[in-house]
Structures are given as structure tokens and as C-alpha cells.
Amino acid sequence: MGGVVIDVNDLDGLAAFWSRLLERDITRREDDWISLGPDLALQRVSEPKTAKNRVHLDLVTDDFAAAVARATALGATPVGEMHEDLWQVWRDPEGNEFCVCVS
């Protein structure tokens, strides 16, 4: 497998969000593409997000409170409550879902 690509409208804004959230540097930049390391990239698309993601990232952490505080500070929003005391769905600033999970 080569990696995961997230479709976004605001390429620079979402690259800043994901770069800070995941503590990853931008490793490649093109007009409509930004890579955050070898296995995650963002691709500019013209259409807005309209439905639930079919694929999402699970971000596993040893410090759930710190991870959700960081996500919130960067502009993410929770979707509902925590499930099974193990994971919670979140949305990035454009609505792309991801989960914060307790390790």
C-alpha cells in the first residue's frame, strides 16, 4: 500500500491542520497536492464534502484528553459521544471524519 489521500478544498488550511495534529512536516508540495510524509497526502478538489467518509483515519493516543484538546484547538469538532470508552469520531475543519482512539 502506498498511502492515504484526503480530498480537501482549502489545501493550505487543511495541510496546516493535519500537519499540526499529526506532528508531521510537509514533505512535498505541488499546486493541488501536499504530502505529509510518505503515507499521507492532501489533494485539492473543487467539490465540497457532502457525505460521510468511506475511509477515515484512527488516531491512537496514550493521552486521550490531550489529543482531543489539541484537535479542538486546531479547529476539529467532535461528532457525538465517546464509544465504549475507547474511541470518538471527530471532524476536521472541512468535515472529514477521523477517530481519536485510546491505546
C-alpha atoms as a PDB file:
ATOM      1  CA  MET A   1       0.000   0.000   0.000  1.00  0.00           C
ATOM      2  CA  GLY A   2       1.277   3.444  -0.867  1.00  0.00           C
ATOM      3  CA  GLY A   3      -0.725   5.705   1.427  1.00  0.00           C
ATOM      4  CA  VAL A   4      -3.924   7.617   2.121  1.00  0.00           C
ATOM      5  CA  VAL A   5      -5.092  10.775   0.316  1.00  0.00           C
ATOM      6  CA  ILE A   6      -7.643  13.189   1.795  1.00  0.00           C
ATOM      7  CA  ASP A   7      -9.663  15.344  -0.613  1.00  0.00           C
ATOM      8  CA  VAL A   8      -9.870  18.986   0.541  1.00  0.00           C
ATOM      9  CA  ASN A   9     -10.989  22.370  -0.760  1.00  0.00           C
ATOM     10  CA  ASP A  10      -8.610  24.561   1.284  1.00  0.00           C
ATOM     11  CA  LEU A  11      -5.322  22.811   0.592  1.00  0.00           C
ATOM     12  CA  ASP A  12      -3.085  25.078   2.688  1.00  0.00           C
ATOM     13  CA  GLY A  13      -5.530  25.338   5.584  1.00  0.00           C
ATOM     14  CA  LEU A  14      -6.111  21.605   5.848  1.00  0.00           C
ATOM     15  CA  ALA A  15      -2.406  20.855   5.365  1.00  0.00           C
ATOM     16  CA  ALA A  16      -1.694  23.114   8.353  1.00  0.00           C
ATOM     17  CA  PHE A  17      -4.427  21.373  10.393  1.00  0.00           C
ATOM     18  CA  TRP A  18      -3.259  17.812   9.647  1.00  0.00           C
ATOM     19  CA  SER A  19       0.424  18.707   9.885  1.00  0.00           C
ATOM     20  CA  ARG A  20      -0.058  20.155  13.367  1.00  0.00           C
ATOM     21  CA  LEU A  21      -2.494  17.487  14.531  1.00  0.00           C
ATOM     22  CA  LEU A  22      -0.210  14.628  13.473  1.00  0.00           C
ATOM     23  CA  GLU A  23       3.060  16.474  14.118  1.00  0.00           C
ATOM     24  CA  ARG A  24       4.211  15.772  10.558  1.00  0.00           C
ATOM     25  CA  ASP A  25       6.176  18.052   8.282  1.00  0.00           C
ATOM     26  CA  ILE A  26       5.108  18.853   4.752  1.00  0.00           C
ATOM     27  CA  THR A  27       7.448  16.789   2.590  1.00  0.00           C
ATOM     28  CA  ARG A  28       6.144  17.613  -0.895  1.00  0.00           C
ATOM     29  CA  ARG A  29       4.111  20.493  -2.291  1.00  0.00           C
ATOM     30  CA  GLU A  30       2.535  20.952  -5.702  1.00  0.00           C
ATOM     31  CA  ASP A  31      -0.276  23.219  -6.913  1.00  0.00           C
ATOM     32  CA  ASP A  32      -3.023  20.776  -5.912  1.00  0.00           C
ATOM     33  CA  TRP A  33      -1.154  18.300  -3.690  1.00  0.00           C
ATOM     34  CA  ILE A  34       0.644  18.306  -0.346  1.00  0.00           C
ATOM     35  CA  SER A  35       2.349  15.263   1.181  1.00  0.00           C
ATOM     36  CA  LEU A  36       2.805  14.812   4.923  1.00  0.00           C
ATOM     37  CA  GLY A  37       5.427  12.102   4.883  1.00  0.00           C
ATOM     38  CA  PRO A  38       5.417   9.007   2.700  1.00  0.00           C
ATOM     39  CA  ASP A  39       1.936   7.709   3.528  1.00  0.00           C
ATOM     40  CA  LEU A  40      -0.459  10.680   3.854  1.00  0.00           C
ATOM     41  CA  ALA A  41      -1.338  13.391   1.359  1.00  0.00           C
ATOM     42  CA  LEU A  42      -3.956  16.060   0.746  1.00  0.00           C
ATOM     43  CA  GLN A  43      -5.373  16.713  -2.698  1.00  0.00           C
ATOM     44  CA  ARG A  44      -7.300  19.852  -3.693  1.00  0.00           C
ATOM     45  CA  VAL A  45     -10.708  19.118  -5.212  1.00  0.00           C
ATOM     46  CA  SER A  46     -13.352  21.571  -6.378  1.00  0.00           C
ATOM     47  CA  GLU A  47     -16.442  19.875  -4.944  1.00  0.00           C
ATOM     48  CA  PRO A  48     -17.323  20.194  -1.243  1.00  0.00           C
ATOM     49  CA  LYS A  49     -17.677  17.191   1.056  1.00  0.00           C
ATOM     50  CA  THR A  50     -21.330  16.099   1.055  1.00  0.00           C
ATOM     51  CA  ALA A  51     -21.484  12.659   2.708  1.00  0.00           C
ATOM     52  CA  LYS A  52     -19.806  10.527   5.366  1.00  0.00           C
ATOM     53  CA  ASN A  53     -16.270   9.400   4.552  1.00  0.00           C
ATOM     54  CA  ARG A  54     -15.963   5.852   3.271  1.00  0.00           C
ATOM     55  CA  VAL A  55     -12.426   5.686   4.739  1.00  0.00           C
ATOM     56  CA  HIS A  56     -11.132   7.504   7.817  1.00  0.00           C
ATOM     57  CA  LEU A  57      -8.030   7.703   9.983  1.00  0.00           C
ATOM     58  CA  ASP A  58      -7.928   6.230  13.505  1.00  0.00           C
ATOM     59  CA  LEU A  59      -5.522   8.271  15.615  1.00  0.00           C
ATOM     60  CA  VAL A  60      -4.397   6.193  18.601  1.00  0.00           C
ATOM     61  CA  THR A  61      -3.152   8.031  21.691  1.00  0.00           C
ATOM     62  CA  ASP A  62      -1.959   7.304  25.216  1.00  0.00           C
ATOM     63  CA  ASP A  63      -3.401  10.651  26.395  1.00  0.00           C
ATOM     64  CA  PHE A  64      -6.976  10.978  25.125  1.00  0.00           C
ATOM     65  CA  ALA A  65      -7.646  14.275  26.947  1.00  0.00           C
ATOM     66  CA  ALA A  66      -4.557  15.922  25.455  1.00  0.00           C
ATOM     67  CA  ALA A  67      -5.344  14.579  21.967  1.00  0.00           C
ATOM     68  CA  VAL A  68      -8.890  15.929  21.947  1.00  0.00           C
ATOM     69  CA  ALA A  69      -7.739  19.252  23.412  1.00  0.00           C
ATOM     70  CA  ARG A  70      -5.200  19.521  20.585  1.00  0.00           C
ATOM     71  CA  ALA A  71      -7.784  18.589  17.943  1.00  0.00           C
ATOM     72  CA  THR A  72     -10.230  21.154  19.336  1.00  0.00           C
ATOM     73  CA  ALA A  73      -7.601  23.896  19.441  1.00  0.00           C
ATOM     74  CA  LEU A  74      -6.798  23.225  15.779  1.00  0.00           C
ATOM     75  CA  GLY A  75     -10.451  23.518  14.728  1.00  0.00           C
ATOM     76  CA  ALA A  76     -11.766  19.943  14.845  1.00  0.00           C
ATOM     77  CA  THR A  77     -15.201  19.180  16.261  1.00  0.00           C
ATOM     78  CA  PRO A  78     -16.498  16.039  17.957  1.00  0.00           C
ATOM     79  CA  VAL A  79     -19.339  14.024  16.452  1.00  0.00           C
ATOM     80  CA  GLY A  80     -21.345  12.631  19.347  1.00  0.00           C
ATOM     81  CA  GLU A  81     -20.030  10.992  22.470  1.00  0.00           C
ATOM     82  CA  MET A  82     -17.173   8.611  23.168  1.00  0.00           C
ATOM     83  CA  HIS A  83     -17.957   4.957  22.301  1.00  0.00           C
ATOM     84  CA  GLU A  84     -17.153   2.048  24.629  1.00  0.00           C
ATOM     85  CA  ASP A  85     -14.708   4.329  26.499  1.00  0.00           C
ATOM     86  CA  LEU A  86     -12.341   3.644  23.587  1.00  0.00           C
ATOM     87  CA  TRP A  87     -12.966   5.980  20.618  1.00  0.00           C
ATOM     88  CA  GLN A  88     -14.708   9.128  19.463  1.00  0.00           C
ATOM     89  CA  VAL A  89     -15.489  10.420  15.979  1.00  0.00           C
ATOM     90  CA  TRP A  90     -14.227  13.909  15.079  1.00  0.00           C
ATOM     91  CA  ARG A  91     -14.387  16.159  12.008  1.00  0.00           C
ATOM     92  CA  ASP A  92     -11.563  18.278  10.609  1.00  0.00           C
ATOM     93  CA  PRO A  93     -12.390  21.913   9.664  1.00  0.00           C
ATOM     94  CA  GLU A  94     -13.881  20.751   6.318  1.00  0.00           C
ATOM     95  CA  GLY A  95     -15.922  17.928   7.831  1.00  0.00           C
ATOM     96  CA  ASN A  96     -13.673  14.934   7.046  1.00  0.00           C
ATOM     97  CA  GLU A  97     -14.192  12.351   9.775  1.00  0.00           C
ATOM     98  CA  PHE A  98     -11.440  10.747  11.822  1.00  0.00           C
ATOM     99  CA  CYS A  99     -11.405   8.920  15.163  1.00  0.00           C
ATOM    100  CA  VAL A 100      -9.388   9.600  18.279  1.00  0.00           C
ATOM    101  CA  CYS A 101      -8.808   6.255  19.993  1.00  0.00           C
ATOM    102  CA  VAL A 102      -7.464   5.260  23.380  1.00  0.00           C
ATOM    103  CA  SER A 103      -4.438   2.983  23.025  1.00  0.00           C
END
